[in-house]
Amino acid sequence: MIVSFHPVITADKNILCAGRDPGPKDEAAIKAADAVILPQGCQQPLYEMAACHCRYVFPDYHARFRFPGKTGQIRLFSRFDLPHPRTQSFASMDEFYHQTGFPGKKPGFDIPFIFKFDWGGEGDTVIRVDTQAAFEKTLEKAAGLERTGQKGFLLQELIPTDGRSLRVAVIGTQRHSYWRVPSDSGAFGTALSKGARIDTQSDPDLQAAGIAAVDQLCEKTGINLAGVDLIFPKTIEKPAPLLLEINYFFGRTGLGGSEKFYQMLASETAKWLEQIKL
């Protein structure tokens, strides 16, 4: 029996778990299942229940919950020796002050650098720090958020690029790559929600290199559904890709919209079931 918790992917038994924790009935269904299909918005309790009681679970969210948030992803990149910008991660303000000796000492990066909060998407919690005053203001914001329970941030080397980033969407065995290019060449950030445009054609050789880097990530971690962001240093003649972030719940505009995405997801789910002989 195949059990699907995904609202679009149908199976022998279909269950919706959105907005609630899984209960005894969900656990019983999972224990009776030969395979379990989960939604992109899957929460950790449901994933852990599925992974504990069923041999075959799609998508594989082990890395997502073992290495949570942006700081967790940096630990993942370091753990598997995957190329990424030089980064310092801090679980709290206290850890930041203890490790850096700030303000008596400077942090490990010369200004300008990138400040990222541990959460958020579409570039909303990513800040380019261009002055000492801007850094101190950002730290004040971090301290205020920490008082509400939102902890963790990282400082990251600012890599000179041509302004664009490469998104590689991983959907099972499929890889779909496209550049996200700011509408303003001087703008910081490449989120489509901030006006960036999609370019699927430019620099196919660099796109192939990005896909190869993402293949390595997936091979080492088991990730099989995510949008992975990469950049290429502009100062190198033949730049190698650097991993920036993994987005487990990612936009579909660059894939042709939600309908196209769900068609690909359904196809890859069927292929996965065939591979495990179900």
Protein backbone atom coordinates (compact mmCIF):
# COMPACT_ATOMS: atom_id res chain seq x y z
CA MET A 1 0.00 0.00 0.00
CA ILE A 2 1.18 3.52 -0.86
CA VAL A 3 0.17 6.37 1.45
CA SER A 4 0.27 9.97 0.24
CA PHE A 5 0.19 13.01 2.51
CA HIS A 6 0.60 15.22 -0.56
CA PRO A 7 -2.57 17.13 -1.50
CA VAL A 8 -1.96 16.65 -5.24
CA ILE A 9 -0.26 13.24 -5.52
CA THR A 10 -2.91 10.52 -5.17
CA ALA A 11 -2.16 7.02 -3.91
CA ASP A 12 -3.90 4.00 -2.36
CA LYS A 13 -4.55 6.03 0.80
CA ASN A 14 -4.59 9.83 0.89
CA ILE A 15 -4.24 11.79 4.12
CA LEU A 16 -3.97 15.54 4.75
CA CYS A 17 -1.83 16.57 7.69
CA ALA A 18 -1.53 20.31 7.02
CA GLY A 19 -1.87 22.50 10.09
CA ARG A 20 -1.66 19.68 12.61
CA ASP A 21 0.79 17.20 14.10
CA PRO A 22 0.45 13.58 13.02
CA GLY A 23 -1.52 11.33 15.35
CA PRO A 24 -2.10 7.62 16.01
CA LYS A 25 -4.18 7.12 12.85
CA ASP A 26 -1.42 8.62 10.73
CA GLU A 27 1.15 6.43 12.43
CA ALA A 28 -0.96 3.31 11.84
CA ALA A 29 -1.31 4.17 8.15
CA ILE A 30 2.43 4.74 7.83
CA LYS A 31 3.25 1.45 9.56
CA ALA A 32 0.98 -0.37 7.12
CA ALA A 33 2.46 1.39 4.08
CA ASP A 34 5.06 0.08 1.67
CA ALA A 35 5.91 3.68 0.71
CA VAL A 36 5.00 7.17 1.92
CA ILE A 37 4.79 10.36 -0.15
CA LEU A 38 5.13 13.65 1.74
CA PRO A 39 4.26 17.27 0.85
CA GLN A 40 6.85 20.02 0.40
CA GLY A 41 5.46 21.73 3.49
CA CYS A 42 6.07 18.62 5.58
CA GLN A 43 6.88 19.37 9.21
CA GLN A 44 9.52 17.51 11.18
CA PRO A 45 7.16 15.33 13.30
CA LEU A 46 5.52 13.89 10.19
CA TYR A 47 8.83 13.27 8.45
CA GLU A 48 10.34 11.60 11.50
CA MET A 49 7.26 9.39 11.93
CA ALA A 50 7.40 8.37 8.27
CA ALA A 51 11.16 7.75 8.26
CA CYS A 52 10.94 5.74 11.48
CA HIS A 53 8.14 3.41 10.42
CA CYS A 54 8.47 3.07 6.65
CA ARG A 55 11.47 2.04 4.58
CA TYR A 56 10.60 4.15 1.53
CA VAL A 57 9.80 7.86 1.92
CA PHE A 58 9.72 10.55 -0.77
CA PRO A 59 11.02 13.25 -0.68
CA ASP A 60 14.13 12.53 1.39
CA TYR A 61 14.14 15.29 4.02
CA HIS A 62 16.87 13.85 6.23
CA ALA A 63 19.27 16.71 5.44
CA ARG A 64 16.52 19.31 5.79
CA PHE A 65 15.83 18.45 9.41
CA ARG A 66 19.34 17.39 10.43
CA PHE A 67 20.80 20.67 9.15
CA PRO A 68 17.98 23.22 9.64
CA GLY A 69 18.05 26.85 8.62
CA LYS A 70 20.76 28.78 6.82
CA THR A 71 23.30 28.11 9.57
CA GLY A 72 22.52 24.40 9.33
CA GLN A 73 23.08 24.46 5.58
CA ILE A 74 26.54 25.94 6.06
CA ARG A 75 27.31 23.08 8.45
CA LEU A 76 26.04 20.66 5.80
CA PHE A 77 28.27 22.20 3.11
CA SER A 78 31.26 22.01 5.45
CA ARG A 79 30.42 18.48 6.61
CA PHE A 80 30.40 17.15 3.04
CA ASP A 81 33.25 19.37 1.78
CA LEU A 82 31.05 21.18 -0.74
CA PRO A 83 32.23 24.52 -2.19
CA HIS A 84 30.59 27.60 -0.67
CA PRO A 85 31.55 31.17 0.30
CA ARG A 86 33.61 31.61 3.44
CA THR A 87 31.11 31.89 6.29
CA GLN A 88 30.88 32.34 10.06
CA SER A 89 27.73 31.01 11.77
CA PHE A 90 26.37 32.05 15.15
CA ALA A 91 23.55 30.41 17.07
CA SER A 92 22.99 33.52 19.23
CA MET A 93 24.22 37.03 19.99
CA ASP A 94 26.15 35.72 22.99
CA GLU A 95 27.98 33.27 20.75
CA PHE A 96 28.78 36.04 18.29
CA TYR A 97 30.30 38.29 20.96
CA HIS A 98 32.18 35.40 22.57
CA GLN A 99 33.70 34.13 19.32
CA THR A 100 34.53 37.45 17.67
CA GLY A 101 35.38 39.71 20.62
CA PHE A 102 33.25 42.40 18.97
CA PRO A 103 33.21 45.42 19.32
CA GLY A 104 36.82 45.45 20.51
CA LYS A 105 37.80 43.30 17.55
CA LYS A 106 36.50 43.22 14.00
CA PRO A 107 34.54 40.22 12.71
CA GLY A 108 36.30 37.83 10.36
CA PHE A 109 35.26 39.70 7.19
CA ASP A 110 36.20 43.05 5.78
CA ILE A 111 33.29 45.32 4.90
CA PRO A 112 31.36 44.86 2.65
CA PHE A 113 30.04 41.40 3.55
CA ILE A 114 26.72 39.56 3.71
CA PHE A 115 24.58 39.18 6.84
CA LYS A 116 21.94 36.43 6.77
CA PHE A 117 19.38 35.62 9.41
CA ASP A 118 18.84 31.91 9.98
CA TRP A 119 15.33 31.94 8.51
CA GLY A 120 13.33 33.51 5.70
CA GLY A 121 13.18 33.34 1.93
CA GLU A 122 13.02 35.50 -1.20
CA GLY A 123 16.00 37.49 0.07
CA ASP A 124 13.98 39.14 2.84
CA THR A 125 16.49 38.24 5.57
CA VAL A 126 19.69 38.71 3.55
CA ILE A 127 21.47 42.05 4.03
CA ARG A 128 24.50 43.50 2.32
CA VAL A 129 26.57 45.31 4.98
CA ASP A 130 28.49 48.23 3.46
CA THR A 131 29.45 50.26 6.55
CA GLN A 132 30.31 49.74 10.20
CA ALA A 133 27.22 51.74 11.18
CA ALA A 134 25.03 49.48 9.04
CA PHE A 135 26.55 46.42 10.70
CA GLU A 136 25.86 47.76 14.20
CA LYS A 137 22.28 48.57 13.19
CA THR A 138 21.82 45.04 11.84
CA LEU A 139 23.19 43.58 15.07
CA GLU A 140 20.64 45.66 17.01
CA LYS A 141 17.91 44.19 14.82
CA ALA A 142 19.27 40.69 15.46
CA ALA A 143 19.28 41.30 19.20
CA GLY A 144 15.67 42.51 19.08
CA LEU A 145 14.56 39.47 17.09
CA GLU A 146 16.39 37.18 19.48
CA ARG A 147 14.32 38.55 22.34
CA THR A 148 11.24 37.27 20.47
CA GLY A 149 12.78 33.80 20.09
CA GLN A 150 14.21 34.15 16.57
CA LYS A 151 17.86 33.23 16.98
CA GLY A 152 20.81 32.65 14.71
CA PHE A 153 22.59 34.40 11.86
CA LEU A 154 25.67 34.14 9.73
CA LEU A 155 28.27 36.44 8.21
CA GLN A 156 29.40 35.56 4.72
CA GLU A 157 32.15 36.74 2.42
CA LEU A 158 30.83 38.96 -0.37
CA ILE A 159 31.73 37.22 -3.62
CA PRO A 160 32.02 39.54 -6.64
CA THR A 161 29.67 38.22 -9.34
CA ASP A 162 27.93 39.68 -12.37
CA GLY A 163 24.88 40.18 -10.14
CA ARG A 164 22.99 37.05 -11.09
CA SER A 165 22.57 33.70 -9.34
CA LEU A 166 21.82 30.24 -10.71
CA ARG A 167 18.83 28.28 -9.44
CA VAL A 168 18.94 24.51 -9.99
CA ALA A 169 15.62 22.85 -9.23
CA VAL A 170 15.96 19.24 -8.13
CA ILE A 171 12.81 17.21 -8.78
CA GLY A 172 13.64 13.56 -8.28
CA THR A 173 16.10 12.72 -11.06
CA GLN A 174 15.31 15.90 -13.03
CA ARG A 175 17.43 19.04 -12.95
CA HIS A 176 16.16 22.38 -14.24
CA SER A 177 18.52 25.36 -14.20
CA TYR A 178 18.00 29.05 -14.88
CA TRP A 179 19.63 32.35 -14.04
CA ARG A 180 17.88 34.91 -11.88
CA VAL A 181 18.95 38.34 -13.10
CA PRO A 182 18.11 41.62 -11.29
CA SER A 183 16.15 44.13 -13.37
CA ASP A 184 18.56 46.80 -12.10
CA SER A 185 22.19 45.84 -12.76
CA GLY A 186 23.25 47.61 -9.58
CA ALA A 187 20.68 45.95 -7.32
CA PHE A 188 21.58 43.46 -4.61
CA GLY A 189 19.65 40.19 -4.57
CA THR A 190 18.10 38.03 -7.26
CA ALA A 191 14.68 37.08 -5.88
CA LEU A 192 11.97 36.98 -8.53
CA SER A 193 9.60 38.61 -6.03
CA LYS A 194 11.94 41.63 -6.04
CA GLY A 195 11.72 42.05 -9.80
CA ALA A 196 14.48 39.76 -11.06
CA ARG A 197 13.93 38.09 -14.42
CA ILE A 198 14.54 34.52 -15.57
CA ASP A 199 17.18 33.63 -18.14
CA THR A 200 17.32 29.97 -19.18
CA GLN A 201 19.69 30.38 -22.15
CA SER A 202 22.86 32.21 -21.12
CA ASP A 203 26.15 30.44 -20.38
CA PRO A 204 25.07 26.80 -20.77
CA ASP A 205 28.58 25.70 -19.76
CA LEU A 206 28.24 27.43 -16.39
CA GLN A 207 24.74 26.02 -15.98
CA ALA A 208 26.15 22.53 -16.60
CA ALA A 209 28.83 23.15 -13.96
CA GLY A 210 26.14 24.28 -11.51
CA ILE A 211 24.08 21.16 -12.19
CA ALA A 212 27.18 19.00 -11.62
CA ALA A 213 27.75 20.71 -8.26
CA VAL A 214 24.12 20.11 -7.30
CA ASP A 215 24.41 16.47 -8.40
CA GLN A 216 27.32 16.12 -5.98
CA LEU A 217 25.24 17.71 -3.22
CA CYS A 218 22.35 15.32 -3.86
CA GLU A 219 24.62 12.27 -4.05
CA LYS A 220 26.20 13.08 -0.69
CA THR A 221 23.02 14.09 1.16
CA GLY A 222 20.11 12.22 -0.45
CA ILE A 223 18.29 15.47 -1.32
CA ASN A 224 15.79 14.81 -4.12
CA LEU A 225 13.41 17.79 -4.00
CA ALA A 226 14.77 21.31 -3.56
CA GLY A 227 15.75 24.54 -5.27
CA VAL A 228 19.50 25.08 -4.89
CA ASP A 229 21.07 28.52 -5.38
CA LEU A 230 24.63 29.00 -6.62
CA ILE A 231 26.93 31.85 -7.67
CA PHE A 232 30.04 32.07 -9.83
CA PRO A 233 32.95 34.36 -8.79
CA LYS A 234 33.48 37.07 -11.41
CA THR A 235 37.18 37.48 -10.65
CA ILE A 236 38.10 34.02 -11.96
CA GLU A 237 38.48 33.29 -15.68
CA LYS A 238 36.86 29.86 -15.42
CA PRO A 239 34.81 30.16 -12.21
CA ALA A 240 33.62 27.13 -10.31
CA PRO A 241 30.16 27.30 -8.71
CA LEU A 242 29.70 28.08 -5.03
CA LEU A 243 26.65 26.81 -3.15
CA LEU A 244 24.60 29.49 -1.41
CA GLU A 245 21.34 28.00 -0.12
CA ILE A 246 18.97 25.06 -0.31
CA ASN A 247 15.28 25.92 -0.59
CA TYR A 248 13.06 22.96 0.22
CA PHE A 249 9.90 24.95 -0.53
CA PHE A 250 10.69 26.86 -3.71
CA GLY A 251 8.91 28.93 -6.31
CA ARG A 252 7.64 27.44 -9.56
CA THR A 253 7.77 30.46 -11.90
CA GLY A 254 11.08 29.41 -13.39
CA LEU A 255 9.69 25.94 -14.01
CA GLY A 256 6.69 27.15 -16.00
CA GLY A 257 4.22 27.51 -13.14
CA SER A 258 2.59 25.26 -10.57
CA GLU A 259 0.77 23.04 -13.05
CA LYS A 260 4.00 22.22 -14.88
CA PHE A 261 5.78 21.64 -11.58
CA TYR A 262 3.12 19.21 -10.33
CA GLN A 263 3.29 17.32 -13.62
CA MET A 264 7.04 16.89 -13.17
CA LEU A 265 6.61 15.96 -9.51
CA ALA A 266 3.96 13.35 -10.32
CA SER A 267 6.19 11.89 -13.05
CA GLU A 268 9.19 11.69 -10.75
CA THR A 269 7.11 10.19 -7.93
CA ALA A 270 5.89 7.48 -10.32
CA LYS A 271 9.49 6.88 -11.44
CA TRP A 272 10.60 6.58 -7.80
CA LEU A 273 7.86 4.05 -7.07
CA GLU A 274 8.91 2.07 -10.13
CA GLN A 275 12.54 2.07 -8.97
CA ILE A 276 11.54 0.58 -5.62
CA LYS A 277 9.29 -1.88 -7.47
CA LEU A 278 5.95 -0.61 -6.17
